[in-house]
């Protein structure tokens, strides 16, 4: 009878330990999923910003844009306006 009682107590203890472990693991899994979701959203935001920056960079590097900037901001003019610049 005494060994049956010890076995039953051990079984109850192990069941409780398993339940606490299971709850802890589920909590960790939910926290990990939440962090993953936040990071995924941030990555998507960064991808959109990267695309916008690439478009802006391409726009700023257009020859017409550079020439306008040189004329208006830097007061630069070609020596001979009718001649094309030599490379």
PDB file of N, CA and C in Angstrom:
ATOM      1  N   UNK A   1       0.811  -1.183   0.000  1.00  0.00           N
ATOM      2  CA  UNK A   1       0.000   0.000   0.000  1.00  0.00           C
ATOM      3  C   UNK A   1       0.868   1.267   0.000  1.00  0.00           C
ATOM      4  N   UNK A   2       1.944   1.238   0.757  1.00  0.00           N
ATOM      5  CA  UNK A   2       2.842   2.379   0.861  1.00  0.00           C
ATOM      6  C   UNK A   2       3.557   2.645  -0.467  1.00  0.00           C
ATOM      7  N   UNK A   3       3.990   1.584  -1.161  1.00  0.00           N
ATOM      8  CA  UNK A   3       4.666   1.748  -2.444  1.00  0.00           C
ATOM      9  C   UNK A   3       3.680   2.235  -3.514  1.00  0.00           C
ATOM     10  N   UNK A   4       2.427   1.845  -3.423  1.00  0.00           N
ATOM     11  CA  UNK A   4       1.396   2.322  -4.338  1.00  0.00           C
ATOM     12  C   UNK A   4       1.179   3.822  -4.153  1.00  0.00           C
ATOM     13  N   UNK A   5       1.171   4.246  -2.912  1.00  0.00           N
ATOM     14  CA  UNK A   5       0.992   5.664  -2.598  1.00  0.00           C
ATOM     15  C   UNK A   5       2.194   6.480  -3.106  1.00  0.00           C
ATOM     16  N   UNK A   6       3.390   5.961  -2.935  1.00  0.00           N
ATOM     17  CA  UNK A   6       4.602   6.646  -3.417  1.00  0.00           C
ATOM     18  C   UNK A   6       4.571   6.722  -4.944  1.00  0.00           C
ATOM     19  N   UNK A   7       4.176   5.632  -5.593  1.00  0.00           N
ATOM     20  CA  UNK A   7       4.077   5.597  -7.051  1.00  0.00           C
ATOM     21  C   UNK A   7       3.050   6.601  -7.554  1.00  0.00           C
ATOM     22  N   UNK A   8       1.909   6.687  -6.861  1.00  0.00           N
ATOM     23  CA  UNK A   8       0.865   7.623  -7.243  1.00  0.00           C
ATOM     24  C   UNK A   8       1.337   9.072  -7.064  1.00  0.00           C
ATOM     25  N   UNK A   9       2.026   9.355  -5.955  1.00  0.00           N
ATOM     26  CA  UNK A   9       2.565  10.694  -5.731  1.00  0.00           C
ATOM     27  C   UNK A   9       3.612  11.053  -6.794  1.00  0.00           C
ATOM     28  N   UNK A  10       4.437  10.086  -7.149  1.00  0.00           N
ATOM     29  CA  UNK A  10       5.438  10.314  -8.187  1.00  0.00           C
ATOM     30  C   UNK A  10       4.755  10.604  -9.527  1.00  0.00           C
ATOM     31  N   UNK A  11       3.692   9.861  -9.828  1.00  0.00           N
ATOM     32  CA  UNK A  11       2.946  10.066 -11.062  1.00  0.00           C
ATOM     33  C   UNK A  11       2.291  11.454 -11.082  1.00  0.00           C
ATOM     34  N   UNK A  12       1.710  11.859  -9.971  1.00  0.00           N
ATOM     35  CA  UNK A  12       1.102  13.185  -9.873  1.00  0.00           C
ATOM     36  C   UNK A  12       2.175  14.266 -10.024  1.00  0.00           C
ATOM     37  N   UNK A  13       3.296  14.089  -9.372  1.00  0.00           N
ATOM     38  CA  UNK A  13       4.386  15.052  -9.460  1.00  0.00           C
ATOM     39  C   UNK A  13       4.895  15.167 -10.901  1.00  0.00           C
ATOM     40  N   UNK A  14       5.111  14.039 -11.561  1.00  0.00           N
ATOM     41  CA  UNK A  14       5.592  14.056 -12.943  1.00  0.00           C
ATOM     42  C   UNK A  14       4.563  14.693 -13.885  1.00  0.00           C
ATOM     43  N   UNK A  15       3.286  14.416 -13.642  1.00  0.00           N
ATOM     44  CA  UNK A  15       2.240  15.011 -14.471  1.00  0.00           C
ATOM     45  C   UNK A  15       2.221  16.524 -14.307  1.00  0.00           C
ATOM     46  N   UNK A  16       2.351  16.995 -13.082  1.00  0.00           N
ATOM     47  CA  UNK A  16       2.375  18.438 -12.831  1.00  0.00           C
ATOM     48  C   UNK A  16       3.626  19.072 -13.462  1.00  0.00           C
ATOM     49  N   UNK A  17       4.751  18.405 -13.323  1.00  0.00           N
ATOM     50  CA  UNK A  17       5.980  18.921 -13.916  1.00  0.00           C
ATOM     51  C   UNK A  17       5.843  18.992 -15.440  1.00  0.00           C
ATOM     52  N   UNK A  18       5.260  17.974 -16.039  1.00  0.00           N
ATOM     53  CA  UNK A  18       5.039  17.967 -17.479  1.00  0.00           C
ATOM     54  C   UNK A  18       4.096  19.103 -17.884  1.00  0.00           C
ATOM     55  N   UNK A  19       3.037  19.316 -17.123  1.00  0.00           N
ATOM     56  CA  UNK A  19       2.077  20.378 -17.434  1.00  0.00           C
ATOM     57  C   UNK A  19       2.737  21.758 -17.353  1.00  0.00           C
ATOM     58  N   UNK A  20       3.531  21.986 -16.336  1.00  0.00           N
ATOM     59  CA  UNK A  20       4.218  23.276 -16.202  1.00  0.00           C
ATOM     60  C   UNK A  20       5.207  23.467 -17.349  1.00  0.00           C
ATOM     61  N   UNK A  21       5.917  22.420 -17.709  1.00  0.00           N
ATOM     62  CA  UNK A  21       6.859  22.494 -18.825  1.00  0.00           C
ATOM     63  C   UNK A  21       6.130  22.788 -20.127  1.00  0.00           C
ATOM     64  N   UNK A  22       4.999  22.145 -20.334  1.00  0.00           N
ATOM     65  CA  UNK A  22       4.214  22.347 -21.546  1.00  0.00           C
ATOM     66  C   UNK A  22       3.716  23.798 -21.635  1.00  0.00           C
ATOM     67  N   UNK A  23       3.218  24.325 -20.543  1.00  0.00           N
ATOM     68  CA  UNK A  23       2.748  25.713 -20.523  1.00  0.00           C
ATOM     69  C   UNK A  23       3.911  26.666 -20.801  1.00  0.00           C
ATOM     70  N   UNK A  24       5.046  26.408 -20.225  1.00  0.00           N
ATOM     71  CA  UNK A  24       6.219  27.253 -20.432  1.00  0.00           C
ATOM     72  C   UNK A  24       6.668  27.219 -21.898  1.00  0.00           C
ATOM     73  N   UNK A  25       6.668  26.036 -22.487  1.00  0.00           N
ATOM     74  CA  UNK A  25       7.069  25.913 -23.886  1.00  0.00           C
ATOM     75  C   UNK A  25       6.087  26.623 -24.817  1.00  0.00           C
ATOM     76  N   UNK A  26       4.793  26.500 -24.541  1.00  0.00           N
ATOM     77  CA  UNK A  26       3.793  27.181 -25.356  1.00  0.00           C
ATOM     78  C   UNK A  26       3.959  28.703 -25.252  1.00  0.00           C
ATOM     79  N   UNK A  27       4.253  29.177 -24.061  1.00  0.00           N
ATOM     80  CA  UNK A  27       4.471  30.610 -23.871  1.00  0.00           C
ATOM     81  C   UNK A  27       5.692  31.072 -24.673  1.00  0.00           C
ATOM     82  N   UNK A  28       6.769  30.327 -24.593  1.00  0.00           N
ATOM     83  CA  UNK A  28       7.983  30.662 -25.351  1.00  0.00           C
ATOM     84  C   UNK A  28       7.710  30.659 -26.855  1.00  0.00           C
ATOM     85  N   UNK A  29       6.913  29.687 -27.312  1.00  0.00           N
ATOM     86  CA  UNK A  29       6.579  29.588 -28.726  1.00  0.00           C
ATOM     87  C   UNK A  29       5.763  30.810 -29.157  1.00  0.00           C
ATOM     88  N   UNK A  30       4.822  31.227 -28.351  1.00  0.00           N
ATOM     89  CA  UNK A  30       4.015  32.410 -28.684  1.00  0.00           C
ATOM     90  C   UNK A  30       4.869  33.670 -28.710  1.00  0.00           C
ATOM     91  N   UNK A  31       5.765  33.799 -27.756  1.00  0.00           N
ATOM     92  CA  UNK A  31       6.665  34.962 -27.732  1.00  0.00           C
ATOM     93  C   UNK A  31       7.572  34.964 -28.960  1.00  0.00           C
ATOM     94  N   UNK A  32       8.074  33.798 -29.338  1.00  0.00           N
ATOM     95  CA  UNK A  32       8.929  33.699 -30.525  1.00  0.00           C
ATOM     96  C   UNK A  32       8.146  34.063 -31.789  1.00  0.00           C
ATOM     97  N   UNK A  33       6.913  33.588 -31.887  1.00  0.00           N
ATOM     98  CA  UNK A  33       6.083  33.899 -33.051  1.00  0.00           C
ATOM     99  C   UNK A  33       5.783  35.389 -33.108  1.00  0.00           C
ATOM    100  N   UNK A  34       5.520  35.990 -31.958  1.00  0.00           N
ATOM    101  CA  UNK A  34       5.259  37.430 -31.895  1.00  0.00           C
ATOM    102  C   UNK A  34       6.495  38.212 -32.364  1.00  0.00           C
ATOM    103  N   UNK A  35       7.658  37.822 -31.888  1.00  0.00           N
ATOM    104  CA  UNK A  35       8.898  38.496 -32.299  1.00  0.00           C
ATOM    105  C   UNK A  35       9.134  38.308 -33.794  1.00  0.00           C
ATOM    106  N   UNK A  36       8.883  37.108 -34.305  1.00  0.00           N
ATOM    107  CA  UNK A  36       9.049  36.833 -35.739  1.00  0.00           C
ATOM    108  C   UNK A  36       8.116  37.710 -36.562  1.00  0.00           C
ATOM    109  N   UNK A  37       6.873  37.873 -36.115  1.00  0.00           N
ATOM    110  CA  UNK A  37       5.911  38.706 -36.827  1.00  0.00           C
ATOM    111  C   UNK A  37       6.376  40.153 -36.872  1.00  0.00           C
ATOM    112  N   UNK A  38       6.860  40.663 -35.756  1.00  0.00           N
ATOM    113  CA  UNK A  38       7.351  42.039 -35.703  1.00  0.00           C
ATOM    114  C   UNK A  38       8.545  42.216 -36.637  1.00  0.00           C
ATOM    115  N   UNK A  39       9.475  41.264 -36.615  1.00  0.00           N
ATOM    116  CA  UNK A  39      10.657  41.356 -37.479  1.00  0.00           C
ATOM    117  C   UNK A  39      10.286  41.240 -38.958  1.00  0.00           C
ATOM    118  N   UNK A  40       9.299  40.425 -39.275  1.00  0.00           N
ATOM    119  CA  UNK A  40       8.851  40.285 -40.659  1.00  0.00           C
ATOM    120  C   UNK A  40       8.253  41.600 -41.152  1.00  0.00           C
ATOM    121  N   UNK A  41       7.439  42.231 -40.318  1.00  0.00           N
ATOM    122  CA  UNK A  41       6.870  43.531 -40.696  1.00  0.00           C
ATOM    123  C   UNK A  41       7.972  44.566 -40.895  1.00  0.00           C
ATOM    124  N   UNK A  42       8.951  44.558 -40.007  1.00  0.00           N
ATOM    125  CA  UNK A  42      10.063  45.506 -40.129  1.00  0.00           C
ATOM    126  C   UNK A  42      10.853  45.245 -41.418  1.00  0.00           C
ATOM    127  N   UNK A  43      11.070  43.977 -41.733  1.00  0.00           N
ATOM    128  CA  UNK A  43      11.793  43.625 -42.967  1.00  0.00           C
ATOM    129  C   UNK A  43      11.021  44.114 -44.190  1.00  0.00           C
ATOM    130  N   UNK A  44       9.705  43.968 -44.181  1.00  0.00           N
ATOM    131  CA  UNK A  44       8.886  44.443 -45.301  1.00  0.00           C
ATOM    132  C   UNK A  44       8.979  45.961 -45.425  1.00  0.00           C
ATOM    133  N   UNK A  45       8.962  46.651 -44.303  1.00  0.00           N
ATOM    134  CA  UNK A  45       9.096  48.102 -44.317  1.00  0.00           C
ATOM    135  C   UNK A  45      10.445  48.508 -44.894  1.00  0.00           C
ATOM    136  N   UNK A  46      11.496  47.806 -44.502  1.00  0.00           N
ATOM    137  CA  UNK A  46      12.831  48.111 -45.022  1.00  0.00           C
ATOM    138  C   UNK A  46      12.930  47.835 -46.521  1.00  0.00           C
ATOM    139  N   UNK A  47      12.268  46.787 -46.995  1.00  0.00           N
ATOM    140  CA  UNK A  47      12.287  46.489 -48.429  1.00  0.00           C
ATOM    141  C   UNK A  47      11.611  47.602 -49.225  1.00  0.00           C
ATOM    142  N   UNK A  48      10.481  48.099 -48.711  1.00  0.00           N
ATOM    143  CA  UNK A  48       9.789  49.195 -49.392  1.00  0.00           C
ATOM    144  C   UNK A  48      10.666  50.440 -49.406  1.00  0.00           C
ATOM    145  N   UNK A  49      11.294  50.745 -48.279  1.00  0.00           N
ATOM    146  CA  UNK A  49      12.166  51.915 -48.215  1.00  0.00           C
ATOM    147  C   UNK A  49      13.366  51.761 -49.153  1.00  0.00           C
ATOM    148  N   UNK A  50      13.924  50.559 -49.222  1.00  0.00           N
ATOM    149  CA  UNK A  50      15.061  50.305 -50.123  1.00  0.00           C
ATOM    150  C   UNK A  50      14.657  50.548 -51.577  1.00  0.00           C
ATOM    151  N   UNK A  51      13.492  50.075 -51.960  1.00  0.00           N
ATOM    152  CA  UNK A  51      13.009  50.315 -53.317  1.00  0.00           C
ATOM    153  C   UNK A  51      12.819  51.790 -53.601  1.00  0.00           C
ATOM    154  N   UNK A  52      12.277  52.532 -52.623  1.00  0.00           N
ATOM    155  CA  UNK A  52      12.093  53.967 -52.780  1.00  0.00           C
ATOM    156  C   UNK A  52      13.439  54.673 -52.936  1.00  0.00           C
ATOM    157  N   UNK A  53      14.418  54.255 -52.134  1.00  0.00           N
ATOM    158  CA  UNK A  53      15.752  54.863 -52.217  1.00  0.00           C
ATOM    159  C   UNK A  53      16.435  54.559 -53.549  1.00  0.00           C
ATOM    160  N   UNK A  54      16.217  53.359 -54.070  1.00  0.00           N
ATOM    161  CA  UNK A  54      16.802  53.033 -55.375  1.00  0.00           C
ATOM    162  C   UNK A  54      16.193  53.906 -56.472  1.00  0.00           C
ATOM    163  N   UNK A  55      14.874  54.114 -56.406  1.00  0.00           N
ATOM    164  CA  UNK A  55      14.231  54.980 -57.393  1.00  0.00           C
ATOM    165  C   UNK A  55      14.723  56.416 -57.265  1.00  0.00           C
ATOM    166  N   UNK A  56      14.857  56.880 -56.050  1.00  0.00           N
ATOM    167  CA  UNK A  56      15.348  58.239 -55.820  1.00  0.00           C
ATOM    168  C   UNK A  56      16.782  58.391 -56.322  1.00  0.00           C
ATOM    169  N   UNK A  57      17.600  57.389 -56.067  1.00  0.00           N
ATOM    170  CA  UNK A  57      18.992  57.431 -56.528  1.00  0.00           C
ATOM    171  C   UNK A  57      19.058  57.456 -58.045  1.00  0.00           C
ATOM    172  N   UNK A  58      18.256  56.638 -58.691  1.00  0.00           N
ATOM    173  CA  UNK A  58      18.246  56.617 -60.155  1.00  0.00           C
ATOM    174  C   UNK A  58      17.781  57.964 -60.702  1.00  0.00           C
ATOM    175  N   UNK A  59      16.805  58.559 -60.045  1.00  0.00           N
ATOM    176  CA  UNK A  59      16.308  59.861 -60.477  1.00  0.00           C
ATOM    177  C   UNK A  59      17.368  60.942 -60.316  1.00  0.00           C
ATOM    178  N   UNK A  60      18.089  60.909 -59.216  1.00  0.00           N
ATOM    179  CA  UNK A  60      19.098  61.938 -58.965  1.00  0.00           C
ATOM    180  C   UNK A  60      20.323  61.788 -59.863  1.00  0.00           C
ATOM    181  N   UNK A  61      20.550  60.622 -60.413  1.00  0.00           N
ATOM    182  CA  UNK A  61      21.730  60.391 -61.242  1.00  0.00           C
ATOM    183  C   UNK A  61      21.475  60.622 -62.726  1.00  0.00           C
ATOM    184  N   UNK A  62      20.259  61.005 -63.080  1.00  0.00           N
ATOM    185  CA  UNK A  62      19.981  61.290 -64.488  1.00  0.00           C
ATOM    186  C   UNK A  62      20.851  62.452 -64.954  1.00  0.00           C
ATOM    187  N   UNK A  63      21.389  62.381 -66.167  1.00  0.00           N
ATOM    188  CA  UNK A  63      22.260  63.448 -66.659  1.00  0.00           C
ATOM    189  C   UNK A  63      21.583  64.824 -66.653  1.00  0.00           C
ATOM    190  N   UNK A  64      20.290  64.859 -66.998  1.00  0.00           N
ATOM    191  CA  UNK A  64      19.587  66.143 -67.016  1.00  0.00           C
ATOM    192  C   UNK A  64      19.547  66.749 -65.610  1.00  0.00           C
ATOM    193  N   UNK A  65      19.341  65.920 -64.628  1.00  0.00           N
ATOM    194  CA  UNK A  65      19.262  66.373 -63.232  1.00  0.00           C
ATOM    195  C   UNK A  65      20.625  66.898 -62.781  1.00  0.00           C
ATOM    196  N   UNK A  66      21.676  66.168 -63.125  1.00  0.00           N
ATOM    197  CA  UNK A  66      23.021  66.611 -62.744  1.00  0.00           C
ATOM    198  C   UNK A  66      23.388  67.926 -63.414  1.00  0.00           C
ATOM    199  N   UNK A  67      23.019  68.060 -64.685  1.00  0.00           N
ATOM    200  CA  UNK A  67      23.334  69.297 -65.396  1.00  0.00           C
ATOM    201  C   UNK A  67      22.567  70.473 -64.793  1.00  0.00           C
ATOM    202  N   UNK A  68      21.304  70.272 -64.478  1.00  0.00           N
ATOM    203  CA  UNK A  68      20.500  71.333 -63.859  1.00  0.00           C
ATOM    204  C   UNK A  68      21.083  71.723 -62.514  1.00  0.00           C
ATOM    205  N   UNK A  69      21.496  70.756 -61.726  1.00  0.00           N
ATOM    206  CA  UNK A  69      22.087  71.043 -60.428  1.00  0.00           C
ATOM    207  C   UNK A  69      23.384  71.834 -60.593  1.00  0.00           C
ATOM    208  N   UNK A  70      24.211  71.409 -61.537  1.00  0.00           N
ATOM    209  CA  UNK A  70      25.488  72.096 -61.761  1.00  0.00           C
ATOM    210  C   UNK A  70      25.258  73.542 -62.189  1.00  0.00           C
ATOM    211  N   UNK A  71      24.271  73.776 -63.035  1.00  0.00           N
ATOM    212  CA  UNK A  71      24.001  75.134 -63.506  1.00  0.00           C
ATOM    213  C   UNK A  71      23.397  76.003 -62.398  1.00  0.00           C
ATOM    214  N   UNK A  72      22.411  75.483 -61.694  1.00  0.00           N
ATOM    215  CA  UNK A  72      21.671  76.309 -60.736  1.00  0.00           C
ATOM    216  C   UNK A  72      22.373  76.440 -59.386  1.00  0.00           C
ATOM    217  N   UNK A  73      22.888  75.366 -58.862  1.00  0.00           N
ATOM    218  CA  UNK A  73      23.456  75.394 -57.516  1.00  0.00           C
ATOM    219  C   UNK A  73      24.946  75.740 -57.495  1.00  0.00           C
ATOM    220  N   UNK A  74      25.664  75.259 -58.494  1.00  0.00           N
ATOM    221  CA  UNK A  74      27.110  75.456 -58.501  1.00  0.00           C
ATOM    222  C   UNK A  74      27.563  76.535 -59.481  1.00  0.00           C
ATOM    223  N   UNK A  75      26.602  77.110 -60.222  1.00  0.00           N
ATOM    224  CA  UNK A  75      26.912  78.138 -61.218  1.00  0.00           C
ATOM    225  C   UNK A  75      27.973  77.675 -62.212  1.00  0.00           C
ATOM    226  N   UNK A  76      27.855  76.464 -62.658  1.00  0.00           N
ATOM    227  CA  UNK A  76      28.795  75.906 -63.625  1.00  0.00           C
ATOM    228  C   UNK A  76      28.161  75.955 -65.016  1.00  0.00           C
ATOM    229  N   UNK A  77      28.960  76.318 -65.995  1.00  0.00           N
ATOM    230  CA  UNK A  77      28.484  76.362 -67.370  1.00  0.00           C
ATOM    231  C   UNK A  77      29.545  75.746 -68.251  1.00  0.00           C
ATOM    232  N   UNK A  78      29.099  75.194 -69.361  1.00  0.00           N
ATOM    233  CA  UNK A  78      30.040  74.644 -70.331  1.00  0.00           C
ATOM    234  C   UNK A  78      30.802  75.792 -70.972  1.00  0.00           C
ATOM    235  N   UNK A  79      32.042  75.550 -71.340  1.00  0.00           N
ATOM    236  CA  UNK A  79      32.858  76.600 -71.977  1.00  0.00           C
ATOM    237  C   UNK A  79      32.216  77.020 -73.284  1.00  0.00           C
ATOM    238  N   UNK A  80      31.806  76.046 -74.043  1.00  0.00           N
ATOM    239  CA  UNK A  80      31.121  76.323 -75.309  1.00  0.00           C
ATOM    240  C   UNK A  80      29.750  75.698 -75.185  1.00  0.00           C
ATOM    241  N   UNK A  81      28.717  76.518 -75.071  1.00  0.00           N
ATOM    242  CA  UNK A  81      27.364  76.009 -74.848  1.00  0.00           C
ATOM    243  C   UNK A  81      26.883  75.138 -76.001  1.00  0.00           C
ATOM    244  N   UNK A  82      27.340  75.383 -77.203  1.00  0.00           N
ATOM    245  CA  UNK A  82      26.884  74.641 -78.355  1.00  0.00           C
ATOM    246  C   UNK A  82      27.617  73.303 -78.518  1.00  0.00           C
ATOM    247  N   UNK A  83      28.776  73.200 -77.924  1.00  0.00           N
ATOM    248  CA  UNK A  83      29.571  71.975 -78.074  1.00  0.00           C
ATOM    249  C   UNK A  83      29.181  70.990 -76.985  1.00  0.00           C
ATOM    250  N   UNK A  84      29.230  69.742 -77.330  1.00  0.00           N
ATOM    251  CA  UNK A  84      28.965  68.740 -76.312  1.00  0.00           C
ATOM    252  C   UNK A  84      30.238  68.479 -75.521  1.00  0.00           C
ATOM    253  N   UNK A  85      30.132  68.142 -74.269  1.00  0.00           N
ATOM    254  CA  UNK A  85      31.346  67.911 -73.464  1.00  0.00           C
ATOM    255  C   UNK A  85      32.131  66.720 -73.975  1.00  0.00           C
ATOM    256  N   UNK A  86      33.452  66.838 -73.945  1.00  0.00           N
ATOM    257  CA  UNK A  86      34.326  65.746 -74.402  1.00  0.00           C
ATOM    258  C   UNK A  86      34.578  64.814 -73.238  1.00  0.00           C
ATOM    259  N   UNK A  87      34.637  63.541 -73.556  1.00  0.00           N
ATOM    260  CA  UNK A  87      34.870  62.540 -72.513  1.00  0.00           C
ATOM    261  C   UNK A  87      36.188  61.881 -72.688  1.00  0.00           C
TER     262      UNK A  87
END
